Amino acid sequence: MEPATLNLTYNGQCGDLPDDVNFDSSAEEVLEMATEALRTGSFIGIDADPEGDLTGFKVERYPAKDGIGNRLVLRPSVPFGG
């Protein structure tokens, strides 16, 4: 497993999971684990949303660079940037 930090922007909030995830996880796997974490309140900095739905969110991958580890970033899709 190549570790990565999972970051989510959701409902005006931004936060990270406290534990690493696999950088090579598929987009579907990332969305599934993030949805469960959102619903249970596992993201640091984001309030739990038991009905949270990440349908349509984009998974962006940023490999380690300049001392910053791998990151997976989940964000809502936007009309001007995909």
PDB file of N, CA and C in Angstrom:
ATOM      1  N   MET A   1       0.848  -1.194   0.000  1.00  0.00           N
ATOM      2  CA  MET A   1       0.000   0.000   0.000  1.00  0.00           C
ATOM      3  C   MET A   1       0.884   1.244   0.000  1.00  0.00           C
ATOM      4  N   GLU A   2       0.584   2.130  -0.902  1.00  0.00           N
ATOM      5  CA  GLU A   2       1.244   3.421  -0.919  1.00  0.00           C
ATOM      6  C   GLU A   2       0.334   4.397  -0.177  1.00  0.00           C
ATOM      7  N   PRO A   3       0.739   4.884   1.016  1.00  0.00           N
ATOM      8  CA  PRO A   3      -0.164   5.693   1.843  1.00  0.00           C
ATOM      9  C   PRO A   3      -0.425   7.082   1.262  1.00  0.00           C
ATOM     10  N   ALA A   4      -1.616   7.588   1.582  1.00  0.00           N
ATOM     11  CA  ALA A   4      -2.007   8.934   1.164  1.00  0.00           C
ATOM     12  C   ALA A   4      -2.962   9.517   2.195  1.00  0.00           C
ATOM     13  N   THR A   5      -2.959  10.829   2.294  1.00  0.00           N
ATOM     14  CA  THR A   5      -3.942  11.551   3.093  1.00  0.00           C
ATOM     15  C   THR A   5      -5.175  11.758   2.233  1.00  0.00           C
ATOM     16  N   LEU A   6      -6.355  11.512   2.809  1.00  0.00           N
ATOM     17  CA  LEU A   6      -7.615  11.747   2.098  1.00  0.00           C
ATOM     18  C   LEU A   6      -8.234  13.030   2.626  1.00  0.00           C
ATOM     19  N   ASN A   7      -8.410  13.996   1.723  1.00  0.00           N
ATOM     20  CA  ASN A   7      -8.967  15.305   2.049  1.00  0.00           C
ATOM     21  C   ASN A   7     -10.311  15.455   1.354  1.00  0.00           C
ATOM     22  N   LEU A   8     -11.260  16.076   2.055  1.00  0.00           N
ATOM     23  CA  LEU A   8     -12.602  16.281   1.510  1.00  0.00           C
ATOM     24  C   LEU A   8     -13.026  17.726   1.711  1.00  0.00           C
ATOM     25  N   THR A   9     -13.587  18.313   0.660  1.00  0.00           N
ATOM     26  CA  THR A   9     -14.288  19.596   0.760  1.00  0.00           C
ATOM     27  C   THR A   9     -15.764  19.282   0.635  1.00  0.00           C
ATOM     28  N   TYR A  10     -16.539  19.656   1.679  1.00  0.00           N
ATOM     29  CA  TYR A  10     -17.950  19.278   1.727  1.00  0.00           C
ATOM     30  C   TYR A  10     -18.756  20.320   2.474  1.00  0.00           C
ATOM     31  N   ASN A  11     -19.776  20.836   1.839  1.00  0.00           N
ATOM     32  CA  ASN A  11     -20.734  21.719   2.493  1.00  0.00           C
ATOM     33  C   ASN A  11     -20.049  22.881   3.219  1.00  0.00           C
ATOM     34  N   GLY A  12     -19.087  23.506   2.543  1.00  0.00           N
ATOM     35  CA  GLY A  12     -18.388  24.656   3.117  1.00  0.00           C
ATOM     36  C   GLY A  12     -17.342  24.309   4.152  1.00  0.00           C
ATOM     37  N   GLN A  13     -17.023  23.046   4.296  1.00  0.00           N
ATOM     38  CA  GLN A  13     -16.025  22.600   5.267  1.00  0.00           C
ATOM     39  C   GLN A  13     -14.935  21.813   4.539  1.00  0.00           C
ATOM     40  N   CYS A  14     -13.763  21.738   5.144  1.00  0.00           N
ATOM     41  CA  CYS A  14     -12.659  20.991   4.561  1.00  0.00           C
ATOM     42  C   CYS A  14     -11.963  20.224   5.679  1.00  0.00           C
ATOM     43  N   GLY A  15     -11.668  18.947   5.422  1.00  0.00           N
ATOM     44  CA  GLY A  15     -11.011  18.160   6.456  1.00  0.00           C
ATOM     45  C   GLY A  15     -10.317  16.934   5.902  1.00  0.00           C
ATOM     46  N   ASP A  16      -9.504  16.316   6.759  1.00  0.00           N
ATOM     47  CA  ASP A  16      -8.741  15.120   6.420  1.00  0.00           C
ATOM     48  C   ASP A  16      -9.187  13.952   7.277  1.00  0.00           C
ATOM     49  N   LEU A  17      -9.051  12.758   6.715  1.00  0.00           N
ATOM     50  CA  LEU A  17      -9.196  11.557   7.537  1.00  0.00           C
ATOM     51  C   LEU A  17      -7.948  11.449   8.400  1.00  0.00           C
ATOM     52  N   PRO A  18      -8.065  10.991   9.637  1.00  0.00           N
ATOM     53  CA  PRO A  18      -6.890  10.896  10.506  1.00  0.00           C
ATOM     54  C   PRO A  18      -5.939   9.760  10.112  1.00  0.00           C
ATOM     55  N   ASP A  19      -6.439   8.738   9.422  1.00  0.00           N
ATOM     56  CA  ASP A  19      -5.611   7.599   9.017  1.00  0.00           C
ATOM     57  C   ASP A  19      -5.370   7.639   7.514  1.00  0.00           C
ATOM     58  N   ASP A  20      -4.200   7.143   7.102  1.00  0.00           N
ATOM     59  CA  ASP A  20      -3.877   7.083   5.684  1.00  0.00           C
ATOM     60  C   ASP A  20      -4.783   6.101   4.951  1.00  0.00           C
ATOM     61  N   VAL A  21      -4.938   6.343   3.665  1.00  0.00           N
ATOM     62  CA  VAL A  21      -5.646   5.437   2.763  1.00  0.00           C
ATOM     63  C   VAL A  21      -4.657   5.032   1.668  1.00  0.00           C
ATOM     64  N   ASN A  22      -5.050   4.081   0.838  1.00  0.00           N
ATOM     65  CA  ASN A  22      -4.195   3.616  -0.241  1.00  0.00           C
ATOM     66  C   ASN A  22      -4.279   4.581  -1.418  1.00  0.00           C
ATOM     67  N   PHE A  23      -3.142   5.143  -1.806  1.00  0.00           N
ATOM     68  CA  PHE A  23      -3.085   6.100  -2.911  1.00  0.00           C
ATOM     69  C   PHE A  23      -3.600   5.491  -4.216  1.00  0.00           C
ATOM     70  N   ASP A  24      -3.446   4.194  -4.367  1.00  0.00           N
ATOM     71  CA  ASP A  24      -3.837   3.510  -5.603  1.00  0.00           C
ATOM     72  C   ASP A  24      -5.282   3.007  -5.595  1.00  0.00           C
ATOM     73  N   SER A  25      -6.064   3.362  -4.581  1.00  0.00           N
ATOM     74  CA  SER A  25      -7.478   2.967  -4.543  1.00  0.00           C
ATOM     75  C   SER A  25      -8.204   3.542  -5.750  1.00  0.00           C
ATOM     76  N   SER A  26      -9.188   2.800  -6.255  1.00  0.00           N
ATOM     77  CA  SER A  26      -9.987   3.311  -7.371  1.00  0.00           C
ATOM     78  C   SER A  26     -10.844   4.485  -6.884  1.00  0.00           C
ATOM     79  N   ALA A  27     -11.324   5.267  -7.836  1.00  0.00           N
ATOM     80  CA  ALA A  27     -12.202   6.393  -7.491  1.00  0.00           C
ATOM     81  C   ALA A  27     -13.438   5.898  -6.758  1.00  0.00           C
ATOM     82  N   GLU A  28     -13.985   4.761  -7.187  1.00  0.00           N
ATOM     83  CA  GLU A  28     -15.167   4.195  -6.534  1.00  0.00           C
ATOM     84  C   GLU A  28     -14.862   3.818  -5.091  1.00  0.00           C
ATOM     85  N   GLU A  29     -13.694   3.218  -4.855  1.00  0.00           N
ATOM     86  CA  GLU A  29     -13.310   2.842  -3.486  1.00  0.00           C
ATOM     87  C   GLU A  29     -13.128   4.077  -2.614  1.00  0.00           C
ATOM     88  N   VAL A  30     -12.506   5.111  -3.167  1.00  0.00           N
ATOM     89  CA  VAL A  30     -12.291   6.352  -2.413  1.00  0.00           C
ATOM     90  C   VAL A  30     -13.635   6.977  -2.049  1.00  0.00           C
ATOM     91  N   LEU A  31     -14.556   7.054  -3.000  1.00  0.00           N
ATOM     92  CA  LEU A  31     -15.872   7.637  -2.728  1.00  0.00           C
ATOM     93  C   LEU A  31     -16.637   6.826  -1.695  1.00  0.00           C
ATOM     94  N   GLU A  32     -16.540   5.511  -1.768  1.00  0.00           N
ATOM     95  CA  GLU A  32     -17.230   4.651  -0.799  1.00  0.00           C
ATOM     96  C   GLU A  32     -16.674   4.860   0.612  1.00  0.00           C
ATOM     97  N   MET A  33     -15.344   4.858   0.744  1.00  0.00           N
ATOM     98  CA  MET A  33     -14.783   5.025   2.095  1.00  0.00           C
ATOM     99  C   MET A  33     -15.025   6.434   2.618  1.00  0.00           C
ATOM    100  N   ALA A  34     -14.976   7.428   1.739  1.00  0.00           N
ATOM    101  CA  ALA A  34     -15.217   8.806   2.163  1.00  0.00           C
ATOM    102  C   ALA A  34     -16.663   9.014   2.590  1.00  0.00           C
ATOM    103  N   THR A  35     -17.596   8.406   1.878  1.00  0.00           N
ATOM    104  CA  THR A  35     -19.005   8.528   2.247  1.00  0.00           C
ATOM    105  C   THR A  35     -19.247   7.952   3.632  1.00  0.00           C
ATOM    106  N   GLU A  36     -18.702   6.780   3.900  1.00  0.00           N
ATOM    107  CA  GLU A  36     -18.848   6.160   5.225  1.00  0.00           C
ATOM    108  C   GLU A  36     -18.212   7.041   6.299  1.00  0.00           C
ATOM    109  N   ALA A  37     -17.029   7.570   6.009  1.00  0.00           N
ATOM    110  CA  ALA A  37     -16.341   8.425   6.980  1.00  0.00           C
ATOM    111  C   ALA A  37     -17.118   9.714   7.232  1.00  0.00           C
ATOM    112  N   LEU A  38     -17.702  10.288   6.183  1.00  0.00           N
ATOM    113  CA  LEU A  38     -18.513  11.496   6.333  1.00  0.00           C
ATOM    114  C   LEU A  38     -19.730  11.220   7.195  1.00  0.00           C
ATOM    115  N   ARG A  39     -20.389  10.108   6.935  1.00  0.00           N
ATOM    116  CA  ARG A  39     -21.606   9.776   7.683  1.00  0.00           C
ATOM    117  C   ARG A  39     -21.337   9.479   9.153  1.00  0.00           C
ATOM    118  N   THR A  40     -20.151   8.995   9.468  1.00  0.00           N
ATOM    119  CA  THR A  40     -19.818   8.663  10.859  1.00  0.00           C
ATOM    120  C   THR A  40     -19.014   9.751  11.563  1.00  0.00           C
ATOM    121  N   GLY A  41     -18.702  10.826  10.854  1.00  0.00           N
ATOM    122  CA  GLY A  41     -17.979  11.930  11.485  1.00  0.00           C
ATOM    123  C   GLY A  41     -16.498  11.699  11.636  1.00  0.00           C
ATOM    124  N   SER A  42     -15.900  10.924  10.752  1.00  0.00           N
ATOM    125  CA  SER A  42     -14.484  10.581  10.872  1.00  0.00           C
ATOM    126  C   SER A  42     -13.536  11.624  10.294  1.00  0.00           C
ATOM    127  N   PHE A  43     -14.022  12.539   9.461  1.00  0.00           N
ATOM    128  CA  PHE A  43     -13.146  13.577   8.915  1.00  0.00           C
ATOM    129  C   PHE A  43     -12.902  14.647   9.969  1.00  0.00           C
ATOM    130  N   ILE A  44     -11.644  14.943  10.227  1.00  0.00           N
ATOM    131  CA  ILE A  44     -11.296  16.022  11.149  1.00  0.00           C
ATOM    132  C   ILE A  44     -11.571  17.346  10.442  1.00  0.00           C
ATOM    133  N   GLY A  45     -12.438  18.163  11.023  1.00  0.00           N
ATOM    134  CA  GLY A  45     -12.778  19.456  10.451  1.00  0.00           C
ATOM    135  C   GLY A  45     -14.110  19.493   9.721  1.00  0.00           C
ATOM    136  N   ILE A  46     -14.792  18.336   9.635  1.00  0.00           N
ATOM    137  CA  ILE A  46     -16.085  18.283   8.953  1.00  0.00           C
ATOM    138  C   ILE A  46     -17.104  17.642   9.891  1.00  0.00           C
ATOM    139  N   ASP A  47     -18.227  18.294  10.058  1.00  0.00           N
ATOM    140  CA  ASP A  47     -19.298  17.746  10.891  1.00  0.00           C
ATOM    141  C   ASP A  47     -19.881  16.491  10.242  1.00  0.00           C
ATOM    142  N   ALA A  48     -20.213  15.503  11.069  1.00  0.00           N
ATOM    143  CA  ALA A  48     -20.853  14.287  10.565  1.00  0.00           C
ATOM    144  C   ALA A  48     -22.151  14.641   9.860  1.00  0.00           C
ATOM    145  N   ASP A  49     -22.414  13.936   8.770  1.00  0.00           N
ATOM    146  CA  ASP A  49     -23.669  14.083   8.039  1.00  0.00           C
ATOM    147  C   ASP A  49     -24.198  12.678   7.763  1.00  0.00           C
ATOM    148  N   PRO A  50     -25.089  12.179   8.625  1.00  0.00           N
ATOM    149  CA  PRO A  50     -25.586  10.811   8.468  1.00  0.00           C
ATOM    150  C   PRO A  50     -26.235  10.531   7.115  1.00  0.00           C
ATOM    151  N   GLU A  51     -26.656  11.566   6.413  1.00  0.00           N
ATOM    152  CA  GLU A  51     -27.260  11.414   5.091  1.00  0.00           C
ATOM    153  C   GLU A  51     -26.304  11.853   3.983  1.00  0.00           C
ATOM    154  N   GLY A  52     -25.043  12.069   4.322  1.00  0.00           N
ATOM    155  CA  GLY A  52     -24.061  12.572   3.360  1.00  0.00           C
ATOM    156  C   GLY A  52     -24.021  11.769   2.078  1.00  0.00           C
ATOM    157  N   ASP A  53     -23.935  12.477   0.956  1.00  0.00           N
ATOM    158  CA  ASP A  53     -23.914  11.844  -0.358  1.00  0.00           C
ATOM    159  C   ASP A  53     -22.840  12.529  -1.199  1.00  0.00           C
ATOM    160  N   LEU A  54     -21.874  11.762  -1.661  1.00  0.00           N
ATOM    161  CA  LEU A  54     -20.771  12.316  -2.443  1.00  0.00           C
ATOM    162  C   LEU A  54     -20.900  11.994  -3.931  1.00  0.00           C
ATOM    163  N   THR A  55     -22.111  11.667  -4.356  1.00  0.00           N
ATOM    164  CA  THR A  55     -22.353  11.404  -5.772  1.00  0.00           C
ATOM    165  C   THR A  55     -21.931  12.623  -6.589  1.00  0.00           C
ATOM    166  N   GLY A  56     -21.160  12.392  -7.630  1.00  0.00           N
ATOM    167  CA  GLY A  56     -20.718  13.482  -8.488  1.00  0.00           C
ATOM    168  C   GLY A  56     -19.437  14.150  -8.039  1.00  0.00           C
ATOM    169  N   PHE A  57     -18.892  13.763  -6.885  1.00  0.00           N
ATOM    170  CA  PHE A  57     -17.633  14.346  -6.431  1.00  0.00           C
ATOM    171  C   PHE A  57     -16.490  13.811  -7.269  1.00  0.00           C
ATOM    172  N   LYS A  58     -15.455  14.610  -7.423  1.00  0.00           N
ATOM    173  CA  LYS A  58     -14.259  14.259  -8.194  1.00  0.00           C
ATOM    174  C   LYS A  58     -13.141  13.836  -7.244  1.00  0.00           C
ATOM    175  N   VAL A  59     -12.368  12.833  -7.679  1.00  0.00           N
ATOM    176  CA  VAL A  59     -11.183  12.394  -6.940  1.00  0.00           C
ATOM    177  C   VAL A  59      -9.966  12.910  -7.692  1.00  0.00           C
ATOM    178  N   GLU A  60      -9.173  13.728  -7.023  1.00  0.00           N
ATOM    179  CA  GLU A  60      -7.936  14.227  -7.616  1.00  0.00           C
ATOM    180  C   GLU A  60      -6.768  13.598  -6.867  1.00  0.00           C
ATOM    181  N   ARG A  61      -5.722  13.229  -7.592  1.00  0.00           N
ATOM    182  CA  ARG A  61      -4.554  12.555  -7.004  1.00  0.00           C
ATOM    183  C   ARG A  61      -3.336  13.457  -7.138  1.00  0.00           C
ATOM    184  N   TYR A  62      -2.681  13.670  -6.009  1.00  0.00           N
ATOM    185  CA  TYR A  62      -1.467  14.471  -5.993  1.00  0.00           C
ATOM    186  C   TYR A  62      -0.341  13.631  -5.399  1.00  0.00           C
ATOM    187  N   PRO A  63       0.615  13.193  -6.238  1.00  0.00           N
ATOM    188  CA  PRO A  63       1.717  12.397  -5.723  1.00  0.00           C
ATOM    189  C   PRO A  63       2.620  13.236  -4.808  1.00  0.00           C
ATOM    190  N   ALA A  64       3.352  12.549  -3.953  1.00  0.00           N
ATOM    191  CA  ALA A  64       4.263  13.209  -3.022  1.00  0.00           C
ATOM    192  C   ALA A  64       5.229  14.129  -3.772  1.00  0.00           C
ATOM    193  N   LYS A  65       5.484  15.303  -3.173  1.00  0.00           N
ATOM    194  CA  LYS A  65       6.375  16.279  -3.787  1.00  0.00           C
ATOM    195  C   LYS A  65       6.822  17.279  -2.735  1.00  0.00           C
ATOM    196  N   ASP A  66       8.082  17.623  -2.775  1.00  0.00           N
ATOM    197  CA  ASP A  66       8.630  18.664  -1.901  1.00  0.00           C
ATOM    198  C   ASP A  66       8.331  18.428  -0.424  1.00  0.00           C
ATOM    199  N   GLY A  67       8.424  17.184   0.005  1.00  0.00           N
ATOM    200  CA  GLY A  67       8.228  16.864   1.420  1.00  0.00           C
ATOM    201  C   GLY A  67       6.776  16.690   1.837  1.00  0.00           C
ATOM    202  N   ILE A  68       5.853  16.872   0.918  1.00  0.00           N
ATOM    203  CA  ILE A  68       4.432  16.666   1.210  1.00  0.00           C
ATOM    204  C   ILE A  68       4.063  15.298   0.657  1.00  0.00           C
ATOM    205  N   GLY A  69       3.448  14.459   1.488  1.00  0.00           N
ATOM    206  CA  GLY A  69       3.096  13.108   1.086  1.00  0.00           C
ATOM    207  C   GLY A  69       1.977  13.062   0.059  1.00  0.00           C
ATOM    208  N   ASN A  70       1.710  11.861  -0.427  1.00  0.00           N
ATOM    209  CA  ASN A  70       0.611  11.644  -1.373  1.00  0.00           C
ATOM    210  C   ASN A  70      -0.696  12.167  -0.796  1.00  0.00           C
ATOM    211  N   ARG A  71      -1.510  12.740  -1.669  1.00  0.00           N
ATOM    212  CA  ARG A  71      -2.825  13.240  -1.236  1.00  0.00           C
ATOM    213  C   ARG A  71      -3.884  12.823  -2.243  1.00  0.00           C
ATOM    214  N   LEU A  72      -5.023  12.431  -1.720  1.00  0.00           N
ATOM    215  CA  LEU A  72      -6.235  12.233  -2.504  1.00  0.00           C
ATOM    216  C   LEU A  72      -7.198  13.328  -2.065  1.00  0.00           C
ATOM    217  N   VAL A  73      -7.707  14.070  -3.004  1.00  0.00           N
ATOM    218  CA  VAL A  73      -8.577  15.202  -2.696  1.00  0.00           C
ATOM    219  C   VAL A  73      -9.935  14.960  -3.343  1.00  0.00           C
ATOM    220  N   LEU A  74     -10.968  15.010  -2.534  1.00  0.00           N
ATOM    221  CA  LEU A  74     -12.355  14.885  -3.010  1.00  0.00           C
ATOM    222  C   LEU A  74     -12.995  16.257  -2.967  1.00  0.00           C
ATOM    223  N   ARG A  75     -13.584  16.612  -4.084  1.00  0.00           N
ATOM    224  CA  ARG A  75     -14.247  17.916  -4.145  1.00  0.00           C
ATOM    225  C   ARG A  75     -15.495  17.802  -4.995  1.00  0.00           C
ATOM    226  N   PRO A  76     -16.436  18.699  -4.764  1.00  0.00           N
ATOM    227  CA  PRO A  76     -17.647  18.680  -5.600  1.00  0.00           C
ATOM    228  C   PRO A  76     -17.281  19.063  -7.038  1.00  0.00           C
ATOM    229  N   SER A  77     -17.991  18.482  -7.969  1.00  0.00           N
ATOM    230  CA  SER A  77     -17.825  18.857  -9.367  1.00  0.00           C
ATOM    231  C   SER A  77     -18.385  20.251  -9.551  1.00  0.00           C
ATOM    232  N   VAL A  78     -17.690  21.048 -10.359  1.00  0.00           N
ATOM    233  CA  VAL A  78     -18.150  22.412 -10.603  1.00  0.00           C
ATOM    234  C   VAL A  78     -18.300  22.624 -12.109  1.00  0.00           C
ATOM    235  N   PRO A  79     -19.230  23.477 -12.522  1.00  0.00           N
ATOM    236  CA  PRO A  79     -19.504  23.631 -13.946  1.00  0.00           C
ATOM    237  C   PRO A  79     -18.334  24.202 -14.746  1.00  0.00           C
ATOM    238  N   PHE A  80     -17.438  24.960 -14.115  1.00  0.00           N
ATOM    239  CA  PHE A  80     -16.369  25.611 -14.864  1.00  0.00           C
ATOM    240  C   PHE A  80     -15.042  24.869 -14.797  1.00  0.00           C
ATOM    241  N   GLY A  81     -14.974  23.765 -14.024  1.00  0.00           N
ATOM    242  CA  GLY A  81     -13.689  23.087 -13.933  1.00  0.00           C
ATOM    243  C   GLY A  81     -13.790  21.582 -13.868  1.00  0.00           C
ATOM    244  N   GLY A  82     -14.946  21.044 -14.112  1.00  0.00           N
ATOM    245  CA  GLY A  82     -15.094  19.588 -14.099  1.00  0.00           C
ATOM    246  C   GLY A  82     -15.382  18.996 -12.755  1.00  0.00           C
TER     247      GLY A  82
END
